[in-house]
C-alpha atoms as a PDB file:
ATOM      1  CA  MET A   1       1.947 -22.660   2.490  1.00  0.00           C
ATOM      2  CA  ALA A   2       0.438 -21.017  -0.568  1.00  0.00           C
ATOM      3  CA  GLU A   3       0.436 -22.677  -3.928  1.00  0.00           C
ATOM      4  CA  PRO A   4       3.036 -21.299  -6.371  1.00  0.00           C
ATOM      5  CA  VAL A   5       0.424 -20.667  -9.062  1.00  0.00           C
ATOM      6  CA  SER A   6      -1.826 -18.599  -6.806  1.00  0.00           C
ATOM      7  CA  SER A   7       1.143 -16.632  -5.437  1.00  0.00           C
ATOM      8  CA  THR A   8       2.394 -15.871  -8.941  1.00  0.00           C
ATOM      9  CA  ALA A   9      -1.067 -14.855 -10.125  1.00  0.00           C
ATOM     10  CA  THR A  10      -1.550 -12.603  -7.109  1.00  0.00           C
ATOM     11  CA  THR A  11       1.825 -10.954  -7.611  1.00  0.00           C
ATOM     12  CA  ALA A  12       1.187 -10.405 -11.316  1.00  0.00           C
ATOM     13  CA  THR A  13      -2.257  -8.945 -10.675  1.00  0.00           C
ATOM     14  CA  LEU A  14      -1.024  -6.552  -7.997  1.00  0.00           C
ATOM     15  CA  ALA A  15       1.871  -5.488 -10.237  1.00  0.00           C
ATOM     16  CA  ALA A  16      -0.571  -4.788 -13.086  1.00  0.00           C
ATOM     17  CA  VAL A  17      -2.805  -2.709 -10.822  1.00  0.00           C
ATOM     18  CA  ALA A  18       0.181  -0.781  -9.482  1.00  0.00           C
ATOM     19  CA  GLY A  19       1.456  -0.232 -13.023  1.00  0.00           C
ATOM     20  CA  LEU A  20      -1.958   0.985 -14.152  1.00  0.00           C
ATOM     21  CA  ALA A  21      -1.972   3.498 -11.321  1.00  0.00           C
ATOM     22  CA  LEU A  22       1.275   5.018 -12.652  1.00  0.00           C
ATOM     23  CA  PHE A  23      -0.306   6.305 -15.872  1.00  0.00           C
ATOM     24  CA  PRO A  24      -1.037  10.034 -15.837  1.00  0.00           C
ATOM     25  CA  GLY A  25      -4.674  10.949 -15.473  1.00  0.00           C
ATOM     26  CA  ILE A  26      -5.585   7.763 -13.611  1.00  0.00           C
ATOM     27  CA  ASP A  27      -6.154   8.178  -9.889  1.00  0.00           C
ATOM     28  CA  ALA A  28      -4.238   5.523  -7.954  1.00  0.00           C
ATOM     29  CA  ALA A  29      -6.822   5.458  -5.151  1.00  0.00           C
ATOM     30  CA  THR A  30      -9.601   4.816  -7.664  1.00  0.00           C
ATOM     31  CA  VAL A  31      -7.718   1.934  -9.285  1.00  0.00           C
ATOM     32  CA  LEU A  32      -6.816   0.324  -5.972  1.00  0.00           C
ATOM     33  CA  GLY A  33     -10.332   0.798  -4.616  1.00  0.00           C
ATOM     34  CA  ALA A  34     -11.887  -0.742  -7.722  1.00  0.00           C
ATOM     35  CA  PHE A  35      -9.444  -3.650  -7.507  1.00  0.00           C
ATOM     36  CA  ALA A  36     -10.227  -4.259  -3.838  1.00  0.00           C
ATOM     37  CA  GLY A  37     -13.968  -4.077  -4.429  1.00  0.00           C
ATOM     38  CA  ALA A  38     -13.773  -6.441  -7.386  1.00  0.00           C
ATOM     39  CA  ALA A  39     -11.627  -8.874  -5.422  1.00  0.00           C
ATOM     40  CA  VAL A  40     -14.046  -8.931  -2.477  1.00  0.00           C
ATOM     41  CA  PHE A  41     -16.982  -9.373  -4.844  1.00  0.00           C
ATOM     42  CA  VAL A  42     -15.378 -12.288  -6.689  1.00  0.00           C
ATOM     43  CA  LEU A  43     -13.929 -14.004  -3.626  1.00  0.00           C
ATOM     44  CA  SER A  44     -17.307 -13.982  -1.898  1.00  0.00           C
ATOM     45  CA  SER A  45     -18.971 -15.927  -4.744  1.00  0.00           C
ATOM     46  CA  ASP A  46     -17.861 -19.528  -4.332  1.00  0.00           C
ATOM     47  CA  SER A  47     -20.634 -21.104  -6.382  1.00  0.00           C
ATOM     48  CA  LEU A  48     -19.421 -19.670  -9.710  1.00  0.00           C
ATOM     49  CA  GLY A  49     -16.902 -21.305 -12.001  1.00  0.00           C
ATOM     50  CA  LEU A  50     -13.431 -19.899 -12.601  1.00  0.00           C
ATOM     51  CA  ALA A  51     -14.250 -18.385 -16.005  1.00  0.00           C
ATOM     52  CA  LYS A  52     -17.381 -16.663 -14.684  1.00  0.00           C
ATOM     53  CA  ARG A  53     -15.495 -15.323 -11.678  1.00  0.00           C
ATOM     54  CA  ALA A  54     -12.787 -13.921 -13.975  1.00  0.00           C
ATOM     55  CA  MET A  55     -15.399 -12.206 -16.133  1.00  0.00           C
ATOM     56  CA  PHE A  56     -17.203 -10.819 -13.070  1.00  0.00           C
ATOM     57  CA  PHE A  57     -13.868  -9.549 -11.738  1.00  0.00           C
ATOM     58  CA  ILE A  58     -13.122  -7.694 -14.976  1.00  0.00           C
ATOM     59  CA  ALA A  59     -16.649  -6.289 -15.192  1.00  0.00           C
ATOM     60  CA  SER A  60     -16.721  -5.107 -11.574  1.00  0.00           C
ATOM     61  CA  PHE A  61     -13.200  -3.633 -11.822  1.00  0.00           C
ATOM     62  CA  ILE A  62     -14.181  -1.585 -14.887  1.00  0.00           C
ATOM     63  CA  ALA A  63     -17.472  -0.560 -13.288  1.00  0.00           C
ATOM     64  CA  GLY A  64     -15.636   0.498 -10.120  1.00  0.00           C
ATOM     65  CA  CYS A  65     -13.183   2.639 -12.093  1.00  0.00           C
ATOM     66  CA  LEU A  66     -15.938   4.284 -14.133  1.00  0.00           C
ATOM     67  CA  ALA A  67     -18.413   4.874 -11.301  1.00  0.00           C
ATOM     68  CA  ALA A  68     -15.974   6.095  -8.644  1.00  0.00           C
ATOM     69  CA  ALA A  69     -16.334   9.812  -9.346  1.00  0.00           C
ATOM     70  CA  SER A  70     -20.132   9.808  -9.498  1.00  0.00           C
ATOM     71  CA  VAL A  71     -20.512   7.690  -6.356  1.00  0.00           C
ATOM     72  CA  ALA A  72     -18.044   9.927  -4.514  1.00  0.00           C
ATOM     73  CA  GLY A  73     -20.106  12.942  -5.576  1.00  0.00           C
ATOM     74  CA  LEU A  74     -23.300  11.345  -4.260  1.00  0.00           C
ATOM     75  CA  LEU A  75     -21.650  10.465  -0.957  1.00  0.00           C
ATOM     76  CA  ALA A  76     -20.279  14.007  -0.618  1.00  0.00           C
ATOM     77  CA  LYS A  77     -23.813  15.394  -0.894  1.00  0.00           C
ATOM     78  CA  TRP A  78     -25.091  13.129   1.887  1.00  0.00           C
ATOM     79  CA  MET A  79     -22.199  13.564   4.315  1.00  0.00           C
ATOM     80  CA  PRO A  80     -22.283  16.714   6.414  1.00  0.00           C
ATOM     81  CA  ILE A  81     -18.491  17.064   6.753  1.00  0.00           C
ATOM     82  CA  GLU A  82     -15.968  18.203   4.206  1.00  0.00           C
ATOM     83  CA  ALA A  83     -13.549  15.361   3.470  1.00  0.00           C
ATOM     84  CA  SER A  84     -10.476  17.215   2.293  1.00  0.00           C
ATOM     85  CA  PRO A  85      -6.974  17.322   3.820  1.00  0.00           C
ATOM     86  CA  ALA A  86      -7.274  21.082   4.375  1.00  0.00           C
ATOM     87  CA  SER A  87     -10.276  20.679   6.674  1.00  0.00           C
ATOM     88  CA  ALA A  88      -8.526  18.109   8.860  1.00  0.00           C
ATOM     89  CA  ARG A  89      -6.824  20.846  10.871  1.00  0.00           C
END
């Protein structure tokens, strides 16, 4: 059984990410991808304290949101296929 504090914190964080994705001009896939990447990064570092993990989470979430377009552009140059819904036919 999960602790009530961790369940509440998880629910609040996911609600904030979902709410952030509702703003116009912000891509929901970018926000959710940055959140998932930041969560994996922070959860894999057990040796850090709670405050450092929180700061690393915020930093990696912001970096993921800002770097998503440029990294996607670099990956599109290296991949030989077109990754758009129209070419899936």
